[in-house]
Amino acid sequence: MKYDHLPPGLVPIFLRRSAAAAFWGVSESTFDRMVEEGHAPRPARFGKIVLWFRPALVASAARLSGVKMETDSAASPSDGGNEWDAVLK
């Protein structure tokens, strides 16, 4: 699938099977097996369209690699600030 309508460098938030497999750097058959075995996330279904949520692919890959991902607290409106506040002062 082409993503011609997106600006250069912007990756879509949902990926088709072939793109999700390529995103993980594996063949489609290996990716299918990883999904079936629970290593990769299951897709979201929108009618007949089957798509993978890119952040879920990243989070699953991090878990597989043993990397602990921290949540982005700067995106939380309840904290009243973000990590750049100290830098900009």
C-alpha atoms as a PDB file:
ATOM      1  CA  MET A   1       0.000   0.000   0.000  1.00  0.00           C
ATOM      2  CA  LYS A   2       1.262   3.444  -0.862  1.00  0.00           C
ATOM      3  CA  TYR A   3       1.066   6.296   1.583  1.00  0.00           C
ATOM      4  CA  ASP A   4       1.385   9.074  -1.001  1.00  0.00           C
ATOM      5  CA  HIS A   5      -0.995  11.393   0.811  1.00  0.00           C
ATOM      6  CA  LEU A   6       1.204  11.645   3.909  1.00  0.00           C
ATOM      7  CA  PRO A   7       3.988  14.203   4.270  1.00  0.00           C
ATOM      8  CA  PRO A   8       7.499  12.750   3.866  1.00  0.00           C
ATOM      9  CA  GLY A   9       8.686  10.979   7.008  1.00  0.00           C
ATOM     10  CA  LEU A  10       5.236  10.626   8.540  1.00  0.00           C
ATOM     11  CA  VAL A  11       4.305   7.021   9.309  1.00  0.00           C
ATOM     12  CA  PRO A  12       0.600   6.130   9.430  1.00  0.00           C
ATOM     13  CA  ILE A  13      -0.853   5.286  12.858  1.00  0.00           C
ATOM     14  CA  PHE A  14      -2.445   2.074  11.518  1.00  0.00           C
ATOM     15  CA  LEU A  15      -0.565  -0.337   9.261  1.00  0.00           C
ATOM     16  CA  ARG A  16      -1.716  -3.046   6.908  1.00  0.00           C
ATOM     17  CA  ARG A  17      -0.307  -6.564   7.391  1.00  0.00           C
ATOM     18  CA  SER A  18       2.550  -6.180   4.913  1.00  0.00           C
ATOM     19  CA  ALA A  19       3.609  -2.840   6.414  1.00  0.00           C
ATOM     20  CA  ALA A  20       3.314  -4.158   9.983  1.00  0.00           C
ATOM     21  CA  ALA A  21       5.540  -7.113   9.108  1.00  0.00           C
ATOM     22  CA  ALA A  22       8.053  -4.807   7.415  1.00  0.00           C
ATOM     23  CA  PHE A  23       7.919  -2.458  10.423  1.00  0.00           C
ATOM     24  CA  TRP A  24       9.067  -5.411  12.568  1.00  0.00           C
ATOM     25  CA  GLY A  25      11.608  -6.451   9.940  1.00  0.00           C
ATOM     26  CA  VAL A  26      10.160  -9.919   9.357  1.00  0.00           C
ATOM     27  CA  SER A  27       8.316 -11.696   6.561  1.00  0.00           C
ATOM     28  CA  GLU A  28       4.533 -11.700   6.520  1.00  0.00           C
ATOM     29  CA  SER A  29       4.411 -15.419   7.365  1.00  0.00           C
ATOM     30  CA  THR A  30       6.749 -14.913  10.336  1.00  0.00           C
ATOM     31  CA  PHE A  31       4.662 -11.946  11.450  1.00  0.00           C
ATOM     32  CA  ASP A  32       1.480 -14.047  11.208  1.00  0.00           C
ATOM     33  CA  ARG A  33       3.114 -16.687  13.402  1.00  0.00           C
ATOM     34  CA  MET A  34       4.224 -14.044  15.926  1.00  0.00           C
ATOM     35  CA  VAL A  35       0.656 -12.717  16.123  1.00  0.00           C
ATOM     36  CA  GLU A  36      -0.726 -16.238  16.557  1.00  0.00           C
ATOM     37  CA  GLU A  37       1.806 -17.007  19.313  1.00  0.00           C
ATOM     38  CA  GLY A  38       0.997 -13.751  21.100  1.00  0.00           C
ATOM     39  CA  HIS A  39       4.380 -12.058  20.521  1.00  0.00           C
ATOM     40  CA  ALA A  40       2.900  -9.412  18.236  1.00  0.00           C
ATOM     41  CA  PRO A  41      -0.424  -7.671  18.903  1.00  0.00           C
ATOM     42  CA  ARG A  42      -3.646  -8.728  17.257  1.00  0.00           C
ATOM     43  CA  PRO A  43      -5.036  -6.387  14.614  1.00  0.00           C
ATOM     44  CA  ALA A  44      -7.979  -4.056  14.864  1.00  0.00           C
ATOM     45  CA  ARG A  45     -10.807  -4.796  12.473  1.00  0.00           C
ATOM     46  CA  PHE A  46     -12.811  -2.093  10.750  1.00  0.00           C
ATOM     47  CA  GLY A  47     -15.360  -4.052   8.757  1.00  0.00           C
ATOM     48  CA  LYS A  48     -13.297  -6.051   6.274  1.00  0.00           C
ATOM     49  CA  ILE A  49     -10.197  -3.925   6.823  1.00  0.00           C
ATOM     50  CA  VAL A  50      -7.555  -5.428   9.122  1.00  0.00           C
ATOM     51  CA  LEU A  51      -5.034  -2.960  10.563  1.00  0.00           C
ATOM     52  CA  TRP A  52      -2.329  -2.956  13.236  1.00  0.00           C
ATOM     53  CA  PHE A  53      -2.032  -0.026  15.639  1.00  0.00           C
ATOM     54  CA  ARG A  54       1.586   1.149  15.257  1.00  0.00           C
ATOM     55  CA  PRO A  55       2.089   2.138  18.945  1.00  0.00           C
ATOM     56  CA  ALA A  56       0.959  -1.371  19.960  1.00  0.00           C
ATOM     57  CA  LEU A  57       3.580  -2.831  17.613  1.00  0.00           C
ATOM     58  CA  VAL A  58       6.251  -0.647  19.226  1.00  0.00           C
ATOM     59  CA  ALA A  59       5.146  -1.576  22.765  1.00  0.00           C
ATOM     60  CA  SER A  60       5.111  -5.299  21.944  1.00  0.00           C
ATOM     61  CA  ALA A  61       8.558  -5.090  20.368  1.00  0.00           C
ATOM     62  CA  ALA A  62       9.863  -3.316  23.471  1.00  0.00           C
ATOM     63  CA  ARG A  63       8.443  -6.041  25.730  1.00  0.00           C
ATOM     64  CA  LEU A  64      10.019  -8.754  23.571  1.00  0.00           C
ATOM     65  CA  SER A  65      13.394  -7.030  23.703  1.00  0.00           C
ATOM     66  CA  GLY A  66      13.220  -6.471  27.458  1.00  0.00           C
ATOM     67  CA  VAL A  67      13.226  -2.692  27.090  1.00  0.00           C
ATOM     68  CA  LYS A  68      11.004  -0.928  29.589  1.00  0.00           C
ATOM     69  CA  MET A  69       9.105   1.889  27.936  1.00  0.00           C
ATOM     70  CA  GLU A  70       8.073   4.820  30.062  1.00  0.00           C
ATOM     71  CA  THR A  71       4.790   6.566  29.467  1.00  0.00           C
ATOM     72  CA  ASP A  72       4.918  10.129  28.275  1.00  0.00           C
ATOM     73  CA  SER A  73       3.928  12.078  31.372  1.00  0.00           C
ATOM     74  CA  ALA A  74       4.409  15.327  29.458  1.00  0.00           C
ATOM     75  CA  ALA A  75       1.239  14.517  27.557  1.00  0.00           C
ATOM     76  CA  SER A  76      -0.759  14.387  30.766  1.00  0.00           C
ATOM     77  CA  PRO A  77      -2.688  17.607  31.341  1.00  0.00           C
ATOM     78  CA  SER A  78      -2.870  16.957  35.096  1.00  0.00           C
ATOM     79  CA  ASP A  79       0.839  17.482  35.788  1.00  0.00           C
ATOM     80  CA  GLY A  80       0.799  21.164  34.803  1.00  0.00           C
ATOM     81  CA  GLY A  81       4.123  21.118  32.962  1.00  0.00           C
ATOM     82  CA  ASN A  82       6.510  19.145  30.872  1.00  0.00           C
ATOM     83  CA  GLU A  83      10.153  18.150  30.684  1.00  0.00           C
ATOM     84  CA  TRP A  84      11.100  21.196  28.604  1.00  0.00           C
ATOM     85  CA  ASP A  85       9.999  23.716  31.235  1.00  0.00           C
ATOM     86  CA  ALA A  86      13.307  23.493  33.101  1.00  0.00           C
ATOM     87  CA  VAL A  87      15.320  23.738  29.879  1.00  0.00           C
ATOM     88  CA  LEU A  88      13.514  26.823  28.656  1.00  0.00           C
ATOM     89  CA  LYS A  89      13.917  28.788  31.918  1.00  0.00           C
END
